């Protein structure tokens, strides 16, 4: 199967080599700004990440201005690189 790379989009070069799935994912990423790769990460990794961020979010909420309210049940908070 031959896949022709999409032309340059937004100044980004077309991906010209690789397997067809990689080329399609790249084209979608360049076109839409986001792409998904099913099963790229293990489910237990996602669960651990959610648990870790829940702890960090609770810590941020406990400090004044640690989490900025952005609306109903929406907050902005940053994680210091030493906590990752």
N, C-alpha and C. Protein backbone atom coordinates (compact mmCIF):
# COMPACT_ATOMS: atom_id res chain seq x y z
N UNK A 1 0.84 -1.18 0.00
CA UNK A 1 0.00 0.00 0.00
C UNK A 1 0.88 1.23 0.00
N UNK A 2 0.61 2.13 -0.88
CA UNK A 2 1.39 3.36 -0.99
C UNK A 2 0.59 4.51 -0.41
N UNK A 3 1.22 5.27 0.48
CA UNK A 3 0.58 6.43 1.09
C UNK A 3 1.34 7.67 0.65
N UNK A 4 0.63 8.61 0.08
CA UNK A 4 1.24 9.87 -0.34
C UNK A 4 1.10 10.87 0.79
N UNK A 5 2.23 11.42 1.27
CA UNK A 5 2.14 12.41 2.35
C UNK A 5 1.34 13.62 1.94
N UNK A 6 0.65 14.22 2.89
CA UNK A 6 -0.08 15.46 2.65
C UNK A 6 0.93 16.56 2.37
N UNK A 7 0.56 17.55 1.60
CA UNK A 7 1.47 18.68 1.37
C UNK A 7 1.71 19.43 2.67
N UNK A 8 2.75 20.26 2.68
CA UNK A 8 3.07 21.05 3.86
C UNK A 8 1.84 21.83 4.32
N UNK A 9 1.58 21.80 5.63
CA UNK A 9 0.44 22.51 6.21
C UNK A 9 1.00 23.40 7.31
N UNK A 10 0.66 24.65 7.27
CA UNK A 10 1.13 25.61 8.27
C UNK A 10 2.65 25.65 8.36
N UNK A 11 3.32 25.42 7.25
CA UNK A 11 4.77 25.49 7.24
C UNK A 11 5.47 24.25 7.78
N UNK A 12 4.71 23.23 8.17
CA UNK A 12 5.33 22.01 8.68
C UNK A 12 5.59 21.05 7.53
N UNK A 13 6.71 20.37 7.56
CA UNK A 13 7.02 19.47 6.46
C UNK A 13 6.14 18.23 6.48
N UNK A 14 5.88 17.70 5.31
CA UNK A 14 5.14 16.45 5.20
C UNK A 14 6.05 15.31 5.63
N UNK A 15 5.47 14.31 6.24
CA UNK A 15 6.21 13.12 6.62
C UNK A 15 6.27 12.22 5.39
N UNK A 16 7.45 11.89 4.96
CA UNK A 16 7.59 11.16 3.71
C UNK A 16 7.96 9.70 3.89
N UNK A 17 8.42 9.32 5.05
CA UNK A 17 8.79 7.92 5.25
C UNK A 17 8.13 7.40 6.52
N UNK A 18 8.00 6.11 6.61
CA UNK A 18 7.40 5.48 7.78
C UNK A 18 6.23 4.62 7.36
N UNK A 19 5.70 3.93 8.32
CA UNK A 19 4.57 3.05 8.01
C UNK A 19 3.31 3.90 7.79
N UNK A 20 2.34 3.36 7.07
CA UNK A 20 1.13 4.15 6.75
C UNK A 20 0.40 4.69 7.97
N UNK A 21 0.33 3.94 9.06
CA UNK A 21 -0.37 4.41 10.26
C UNK A 21 0.34 5.63 10.85
N UNK A 22 1.66 5.62 10.84
CA UNK A 22 2.42 6.76 11.36
C UNK A 22 2.21 7.98 10.49
N UNK A 23 2.22 7.79 9.19
CA UNK A 23 2.01 8.91 8.27
C UNK A 23 0.61 9.49 8.46
N UNK A 24 -0.41 8.63 8.61
CA UNK A 24 -1.78 9.13 8.82
C UNK A 24 -1.87 9.90 10.14
N UNK A 25 -1.27 9.36 11.21
CA UNK A 25 -1.32 10.04 12.51
C UNK A 25 -0.63 11.40 12.43
N UNK A 26 0.49 11.46 11.73
CA UNK A 26 1.20 12.72 11.56
C UNK A 26 0.35 13.72 10.79
N UNK A 27 -0.24 13.26 9.71
CA UNK A 27 -1.09 14.15 8.90
C UNK A 27 -2.25 14.71 9.72
N UNK A 28 -2.87 13.87 10.54
CA UNK A 28 -3.97 14.32 11.39
C UNK A 28 -3.45 15.33 12.42
N UNK A 29 -2.29 15.05 13.01
CA UNK A 29 -1.70 15.96 13.99
C UNK A 29 -1.42 17.33 13.37
N UNK A 30 -0.85 17.35 12.20
CA UNK A 30 -0.56 18.61 11.53
C UNK A 30 -1.85 19.34 11.16
N UNK A 31 -2.83 18.59 10.67
CA UNK A 31 -4.09 19.20 10.23
C UNK A 31 -4.93 19.71 11.40
N UNK A 32 -5.12 18.85 12.43
CA UNK A 32 -6.05 19.16 13.52
C UNK A 32 -5.38 19.70 14.78
N UNK A 33 -4.07 19.49 14.89
CA UNK A 33 -3.36 19.92 16.09
C UNK A 33 -3.42 18.91 17.22
N UNK A 34 -4.07 17.79 16.97
CA UNK A 34 -4.17 16.73 17.98
C UNK A 34 -4.36 15.41 17.25
N UNK A 35 -3.85 14.36 17.83
CA UNK A 35 -4.00 13.04 17.23
C UNK A 35 -4.06 12.02 18.35
N UNK A 36 -4.73 10.93 18.12
CA UNK A 36 -4.84 9.89 19.13
C UNK A 36 -4.20 8.60 18.62
N UNK A 37 -3.60 7.89 19.54
CA UNK A 37 -3.02 6.59 19.22
C UNK A 37 -3.63 5.60 20.21
N UNK A 38 -4.62 4.84 19.77
CA UNK A 38 -5.27 3.88 20.67
C UNK A 38 -4.26 2.93 21.30
N UNK A 39 -4.42 2.71 22.59
CA UNK A 39 -3.58 1.77 23.36
C UNK A 39 -2.12 2.18 23.40
N UNK A 40 -1.80 3.46 23.20
CA UNK A 40 -0.41 3.91 23.27
C UNK A 40 0.12 3.86 24.70
N UNK A 41 -0.77 4.05 25.67
CA UNK A 41 -0.38 4.04 27.08
C UNK A 41 -1.19 2.97 27.80
N UNK A 42 -0.56 2.39 28.79
CA UNK A 42 -1.27 1.35 29.56
C UNK A 42 -2.30 2.01 30.48
N UNK A 43 -3.42 1.33 30.68
CA UNK A 43 -4.51 1.85 31.50
C UNK A 43 -4.05 2.10 32.94
N UNK A 44 -3.22 1.22 33.50
CA UNK A 44 -2.76 1.40 34.87
C UNK A 44 -1.89 2.65 35.01
N UNK A 45 -1.19 3.03 33.94
CA UNK A 45 -0.42 4.27 33.96
C UNK A 45 -1.36 5.47 34.09
N UNK A 46 -2.46 5.45 33.34
CA UNK A 46 -3.44 6.52 33.42
C UNK A 46 -4.08 6.62 34.79
N UNK A 47 -4.38 5.48 35.39
CA UNK A 47 -4.96 5.46 36.74
C UNK A 47 -3.97 6.05 37.74
N UNK A 48 -2.70 5.67 37.64
CA UNK A 48 -1.68 6.21 38.54
C UNK A 48 -1.51 7.71 38.35
N UNK A 49 -1.53 8.16 37.11
CA UNK A 49 -1.42 9.59 36.82
C UNK A 49 -2.58 10.36 37.45
N UNK A 50 -3.80 9.83 37.32
CA UNK A 50 -4.98 10.49 37.90
C UNK A 50 -4.86 10.55 39.42
N UNK A 51 -4.39 9.48 40.03
CA UNK A 51 -4.22 9.46 41.50
C UNK A 51 -3.16 10.49 41.92
N UNK A 52 -2.05 10.54 41.20
CA UNK A 52 -0.98 11.49 41.53
C UNK A 52 -1.47 12.93 41.40
N UNK A 53 -2.20 13.22 40.33
CA UNK A 53 -2.70 14.58 40.14
C UNK A 53 -3.78 14.93 41.15
N UNK A 54 -4.55 13.97 41.60
CA UNK A 54 -5.55 14.24 42.64
C UNK A 54 -4.86 14.72 43.92
N UNK A 55 -3.75 14.09 44.27
CA UNK A 55 -2.99 14.50 45.45
C UNK A 55 -2.41 15.91 45.25
N UNK A 56 -1.82 16.15 44.08
CA UNK A 56 -1.23 17.46 43.80
C UNK A 56 -2.30 18.55 43.76
N UNK A 57 -3.47 18.23 43.22
CA UNK A 57 -4.56 19.20 43.16
C UNK A 57 -5.07 19.53 44.56
N UNK A 58 -5.19 18.51 45.41
CA UNK A 58 -5.63 18.74 46.79
C UNK A 58 -4.62 19.62 47.53
N UNK A 59 -3.34 19.38 47.30
CA UNK A 59 -2.31 20.23 47.92
C UNK A 59 -2.44 21.67 47.43
N UNK A 60 -2.65 21.84 46.13
CA UNK A 60 -2.78 23.18 45.57
C UNK A 60 -4.01 23.89 46.13
N UNK A 61 -5.11 23.18 46.26
CA UNK A 61 -6.34 23.79 46.80
C UNK A 61 -6.19 24.19 48.26
N UNK A 62 -5.28 23.55 48.97
CA UNK A 62 -5.12 23.84 50.40
C UNK A 62 -4.31 25.12 50.64
N UNK A 63 -3.62 25.62 49.60
CA UNK A 63 -2.83 26.84 49.72
C UNK A 63 -3.61 28.02 49.14
N UNK A 64 -3.46 29.20 49.76
CA UNK A 64 -4.09 30.39 49.17
C UNK A 64 -3.56 30.61 47.75
N UNK A 65 -4.45 30.79 46.82
CA UNK A 65 -4.11 31.00 45.41
C UNK A 65 -3.34 29.83 44.80
N UNK A 66 -3.43 28.66 45.41
CA UNK A 66 -2.75 27.48 44.88
C UNK A 66 -3.43 26.92 43.65
N UNK A 67 -4.75 27.11 43.58
CA UNK A 67 -5.53 26.70 42.40
C UNK A 67 -6.47 27.85 42.08
N UNK A 68 -6.39 28.36 40.88
CA UNK A 68 -7.19 29.52 40.48
C UNK A 68 -8.54 29.04 39.96
N UNK A 69 -9.61 29.58 40.53
CA UNK A 69 -10.96 29.21 40.12
C UNK A 69 -11.25 29.79 38.74
N UNK A 70 -11.67 28.92 37.82
CA UNK A 70 -11.98 29.37 36.45
C UNK A 70 -13.44 29.13 36.11
N UNK A 71 -14.28 28.94 37.12
CA UNK A 71 -15.70 28.68 36.89
C UNK A 71 -16.15 27.48 37.69
N UNK A 72 -17.37 27.06 37.46
CA UNK A 72 -17.93 25.94 38.21
C UNK A 72 -17.10 24.68 37.99
N UNK A 73 -16.51 24.19 39.07
CA UNK A 73 -15.69 22.97 39.03
C UNK A 73 -14.57 23.03 38.00
N UNK A 74 -14.03 24.22 37.78
CA UNK A 74 -12.89 24.37 36.86
C UNK A 74 -11.81 25.17 37.57
N UNK A 75 -10.61 24.63 37.57
CA UNK A 75 -9.49 25.28 38.24
C UNK A 75 -8.25 25.21 37.37
N UNK A 76 -7.35 26.14 37.61
CA UNK A 76 -6.05 26.13 36.98
C UNK A 76 -5.02 26.00 38.08
N UNK A 77 -4.11 25.04 37.94
CA UNK A 77 -3.01 24.96 38.86
C UNK A 77 -1.81 24.40 38.12
N UNK A 78 -0.64 24.73 38.61
CA UNK A 78 0.59 24.25 37.98
C UNK A 78 1.27 23.28 38.92
N UNK A 79 2.03 22.40 38.34
CA UNK A 79 2.79 21.42 39.10
C UNK A 79 4.27 21.75 38.91
N UNK A 80 4.96 21.96 40.00
CA UNK A 80 6.39 22.25 39.92
C UNK A 80 7.12 21.02 39.41
N UNK A 81 8.15 21.26 38.60
CA UNK A 81 8.85 20.13 37.98
C UNK A 81 9.45 19.15 38.98
N UNK A 82 9.72 19.60 40.22
CA UNK A 82 10.27 18.67 41.21
C UNK A 82 9.19 17.70 41.72
N UNK A 83 7.93 18.00 41.43
CA UNK A 83 6.83 17.13 41.88
C UNK A 83 6.44 16.10 40.83
N UNK A 84 7.05 16.17 39.65
CA UNK A 84 6.67 15.25 38.58
C UNK A 84 7.58 14.05 38.53
